[in-house]
Amino acid sequence: MKIKHLKNNLTEFTIDSNTQVLVSYDTPVAAYLGGVYYKTAKKWSRTTSRHLSFWLESVIAIEKDQSFFDNLMAVQA
């Protein structure tokens, strides 16, 4: 696993070449899985919204329930 700090309170975890997870503060909010981008449907703070926009710039992401991202990180732990 590779950990990359992108900005204050914004971290990207690369599990392998087909799996990345974006964590804003301590919460996973987006992912790249097998060529598809996903983002949380839950509305968070303005800063987390900016983090999502930054990471997903110029890509289309499918919205998923927050539990999808929580479970994804639980599996990786």
N, C-alpha and C. Protein backbone atom coordinates (compact mmCIF):
# COMPACT_ATOMS: atom_id res chain seq x y z
N MET A 1 0.85 -1.17 0.00
CA MET A 1 0.00 0.00 0.00
C MET A 1 0.90 1.24 0.00
N LYS A 2 0.52 2.20 -0.81
CA LYS A 2 1.23 3.47 -0.89
C LYS A 2 0.31 4.57 -0.36
N ILE A 3 0.86 5.43 0.48
CA ILE A 3 0.09 6.53 1.06
C ILE A 3 0.68 7.84 0.54
N LYS A 4 -0.19 8.69 -0.02
CA LYS A 4 0.25 9.96 -0.57
C LYS A 4 -0.59 11.09 0.02
N HIS A 5 0.06 12.01 0.72
CA HIS A 5 -0.64 13.17 1.27
C HIS A 5 -0.73 14.23 0.17
N LEU A 6 -1.95 14.53 -0.26
CA LEU A 6 -2.17 15.46 -1.36
C LEU A 6 -2.27 16.91 -0.91
N LYS A 7 -2.96 17.12 0.19
CA LYS A 7 -3.17 18.45 0.78
C LYS A 7 -3.39 18.25 2.27
N ASN A 8 -3.53 19.36 2.99
CA ASN A 8 -3.89 19.23 4.41
C ASN A 8 -5.18 18.44 4.52
N ASN A 9 -5.17 17.41 5.35
CA ASN A 9 -6.34 16.58 5.62
C ASN A 9 -6.88 15.84 4.40
N LEU A 10 -6.02 15.63 3.41
CA LEU A 10 -6.43 14.89 2.21
C LEU A 10 -5.34 13.88 1.85
N THR A 11 -5.72 12.60 1.84
CA THR A 11 -4.76 11.53 1.62
C THR A 11 -5.30 10.54 0.60
N GLU A 12 -4.41 10.06 -0.25
CA GLU A 12 -4.76 9.06 -1.25
C GLU A 12 -4.03 7.76 -0.89
N PHE A 13 -4.79 6.69 -0.77
CA PHE A 13 -4.22 5.37 -0.51
C PHE A 13 -4.27 4.57 -1.80
N THR A 14 -3.13 4.08 -2.25
CA THR A 14 -3.07 3.23 -3.43
C THR A 14 -2.83 1.81 -2.95
N ILE A 15 -3.82 0.96 -3.17
CA ILE A 15 -3.74 -0.43 -2.75
C ILE A 15 -2.99 -1.23 -3.82
N ASP A 16 -3.38 -1.05 -5.08
CA ASP A 16 -2.69 -1.63 -6.23
C ASP A 16 -3.00 -0.76 -7.44
N SER A 17 -2.59 -1.17 -8.63
CA SER A 17 -2.75 -0.32 -9.81
C SER A 17 -4.22 -0.08 -10.18
N ASN A 18 -5.13 -0.88 -9.64
CA ASN A 18 -6.54 -0.72 -9.96
C ASN A 18 -7.39 -0.24 -8.78
N THR A 19 -6.74 0.10 -7.66
CA THR A 19 -7.50 0.47 -6.47
C THR A 19 -6.85 1.64 -5.74
N GLN A 20 -7.59 2.75 -5.67
CA GLN A 20 -7.17 3.91 -4.90
C GLN A 20 -8.36 4.38 -4.07
N VAL A 21 -8.07 4.90 -2.88
CA VAL A 21 -9.11 5.41 -2.00
C VAL A 21 -8.70 6.81 -1.54
N LEU A 22 -9.63 7.76 -1.65
CA LEU A 22 -9.39 9.12 -1.19
C LEU A 22 -9.98 9.29 0.20
N VAL A 23 -9.17 9.79 1.12
CA VAL A 23 -9.60 10.00 2.50
C VAL A 23 -9.50 11.49 2.82
N SER A 24 -10.63 12.07 3.20
CA SER A 24 -10.69 13.47 3.61
C SER A 24 -10.84 13.48 5.13
N TYR A 25 -9.91 14.16 5.79
CA TYR A 25 -9.79 14.08 7.24
C TYR A 25 -9.58 12.61 7.59
N ASP A 26 -10.46 11.96 8.26
CA ASP A 26 -10.32 10.53 8.59
C ASP A 26 -11.38 9.68 7.91
N THR A 27 -12.01 10.21 6.87
CA THR A 27 -13.16 9.53 6.27
C THR A 27 -12.91 9.21 4.79
N PRO A 28 -13.06 7.95 4.39
CA PRO A 28 -12.96 7.62 2.96
C PRO A 28 -14.18 8.18 2.23
N VAL A 29 -13.95 8.94 1.16
CA VAL A 29 -15.07 9.61 0.48
C VAL A 29 -15.12 9.34 -1.03
N ALA A 30 -14.07 8.73 -1.58
CA ALA A 30 -14.06 8.44 -3.01
C ALA A 30 -13.10 7.28 -3.26
N ALA A 31 -13.27 6.66 -4.43
CA ALA A 31 -12.40 5.54 -4.77
C ALA A 31 -12.32 5.37 -6.28
N TYR A 32 -11.22 4.77 -6.69
CA TYR A 32 -11.02 4.33 -8.06
C TYR A 32 -10.86 2.82 -7.98
N LEU A 33 -11.79 2.10 -8.58
CA LEU A 33 -11.79 0.64 -8.50
C LEU A 33 -11.96 0.04 -9.89
N GLY A 34 -10.94 -0.61 -10.37
CA GLY A 34 -11.04 -1.30 -11.66
C GLY A 34 -11.44 -0.42 -12.82
N GLY A 35 -10.95 0.80 -12.85
CA GLY A 35 -11.23 1.70 -13.96
C GLY A 35 -12.46 2.58 -13.80
N VAL A 36 -13.13 2.48 -12.66
CA VAL A 36 -14.34 3.27 -12.41
C VAL A 36 -14.14 4.13 -11.16
N TYR A 37 -14.54 5.40 -11.23
CA TYR A 37 -14.47 6.30 -10.08
C TYR A 37 -15.81 6.30 -9.35
N TYR A 38 -15.73 6.34 -8.04
CA TYR A 38 -16.91 6.41 -7.17
C TYR A 38 -16.72 7.54 -6.17
N LYS A 39 -17.83 8.16 -5.77
CA LYS A 39 -17.78 9.18 -4.72
C LYS A 39 -18.96 8.98 -3.79
N THR A 40 -18.80 9.46 -2.58
CA THR A 40 -19.86 9.32 -1.60
C THR A 40 -21.07 10.18 -1.96
N ALA A 41 -22.23 9.67 -1.66
CA ALA A 41 -23.47 10.43 -1.86
C ALA A 41 -23.76 11.31 -0.65
N LYS A 42 -23.06 11.04 0.45
CA LYS A 42 -23.28 11.81 1.67
C LYS A 42 -22.68 13.21 1.51
N LYS A 43 -23.39 14.19 2.02
CA LYS A 43 -22.92 15.57 1.98
C LYS A 43 -22.09 15.85 3.23
N TRP A 44 -20.84 16.21 3.01
CA TRP A 44 -19.93 16.52 4.10
C TRP A 44 -19.68 18.03 4.14
N SER A 45 -18.59 18.43 4.71
CA SER A 45 -18.25 19.85 4.84
C SER A 45 -17.84 20.44 3.49
N ARG A 46 -17.75 21.75 3.46
CA ARG A 46 -17.28 22.44 2.26
C ARG A 46 -15.88 21.98 1.87
N THR A 47 -15.04 21.80 2.87
CA THR A 47 -13.67 21.38 2.59
C THR A 47 -13.64 20.00 1.96
N THR A 48 -14.41 19.07 2.49
CA THR A 48 -14.46 17.74 1.90
C THR A 48 -15.04 17.80 0.49
N SER A 49 -16.00 18.65 0.25
CA SER A 49 -16.54 18.83 -1.11
C SER A 49 -15.45 19.33 -2.05
N ARG A 50 -14.62 20.25 -1.57
CA ARG A 50 -13.49 20.74 -2.38
C ARG A 50 -12.49 19.62 -2.63
N HIS A 51 -12.24 18.80 -1.62
CA HIS A 51 -11.33 17.66 -1.79
C HIS A 51 -11.83 16.73 -2.89
N LEU A 52 -13.13 16.44 -2.87
CA LEU A 52 -13.71 15.58 -3.90
C LEU A 52 -13.55 16.21 -5.29
N SER A 53 -13.85 17.48 -5.40
CA SER A 53 -13.71 18.18 -6.69
C SER A 53 -12.27 18.15 -7.18
N PHE A 54 -11.34 18.35 -6.28
CA PHE A 54 -9.92 18.33 -6.62
C PHE A 54 -9.51 16.96 -7.18
N TRP A 55 -9.88 15.90 -6.49
CA TRP A 55 -9.45 14.55 -6.87
C TRP A 55 -10.19 14.04 -8.10
N LEU A 56 -11.44 14.43 -8.25
CA LEU A 56 -12.27 13.94 -9.34
C LEU A 56 -12.35 14.91 -10.52
N GLU A 57 -11.46 15.87 -10.55
CA GLU A 57 -11.47 16.86 -11.62
C GLU A 57 -11.49 16.18 -12.98
N SER A 58 -12.43 16.54 -13.78
CA SER A 58 -12.61 16.09 -15.17
C SER A 58 -12.90 14.58 -15.32
N VAL A 59 -13.40 13.93 -14.26
CA VAL A 59 -13.85 12.55 -14.40
C VAL A 59 -15.29 12.46 -13.90
N ILE A 60 -16.01 11.48 -14.39
CA ILE A 60 -17.38 11.23 -13.93
C ILE A 60 -17.32 10.13 -12.89
N ALA A 61 -17.91 10.39 -11.74
CA ALA A 61 -17.90 9.42 -10.65
C ALA A 61 -19.33 8.97 -10.33
N ILE A 62 -19.46 7.71 -10.04
CA ILE A 62 -20.74 7.13 -9.65
C ILE A 62 -20.92 7.33 -8.15
N GLU A 63 -22.08 7.84 -7.75
CA GLU A 63 -22.34 8.03 -6.32
C GLU A 63 -22.70 6.71 -5.65
N LYS A 64 -22.13 6.52 -4.47
CA LYS A 64 -22.41 5.33 -3.65
C LYS A 64 -22.69 5.80 -2.23
N ASP A 65 -23.43 4.98 -1.49
CA ASP A 65 -23.68 5.25 -0.09
C ASP A 65 -22.36 5.28 0.69
N GLN A 66 -22.30 6.08 1.74
CA GLN A 66 -21.07 6.20 2.53
C GLN A 66 -20.60 4.85 3.07
N SER A 67 -21.52 3.96 3.36
CA SER A 67 -21.14 2.64 3.90
C SER A 67 -20.27 1.86 2.92
N PHE A 68 -20.41 2.10 1.62
CA PHE A 68 -19.56 1.45 0.61
C PHE A 68 -18.10 1.78 0.87
N PHE A 69 -17.80 3.04 1.16
CA PHE A 69 -16.42 3.47 1.39
C PHE A 69 -15.90 3.03 2.76
N ASP A 70 -16.79 3.08 3.75
CA ASP A 70 -16.40 2.62 5.08
C ASP A 70 -16.04 1.14 5.04
N ASN A 71 -16.84 0.35 4.35
CA ASN A 71 -16.58 -1.08 4.23
C ASN A 71 -15.33 -1.36 3.40
N LEU A 72 -15.10 -0.55 2.39
CA LEU A 72 -13.91 -0.72 1.56
C LEU A 72 -12.65 -0.57 2.39
N MET A 73 -12.60 0.43 3.24
CA MET A 73 -11.41 0.64 4.07
C MET A 73 -11.31 -0.43 5.15
N ALA A 74 -12.42 -0.93 5.64
CA ALA A 74 -12.39 -1.98 6.66
C ALA A 74 -11.77 -3.25 6.08
N VAL A 75 -12.04 -3.53 4.81
CA VAL A 75 -11.49 -4.71 4.15
C VAL A 75 -9.98 -4.56 3.97
N GLN A 76 -9.53 -3.33 3.70
CA GLN A 76 -8.11 -3.08 3.44
C GLN A 76 -7.28 -3.07 4.72
N ALA A 77 -7.90 -2.84 5.85
CA ALA A 77 -7.16 -2.72 7.12
C ALA A 77 -6.57 -4.04 7.56
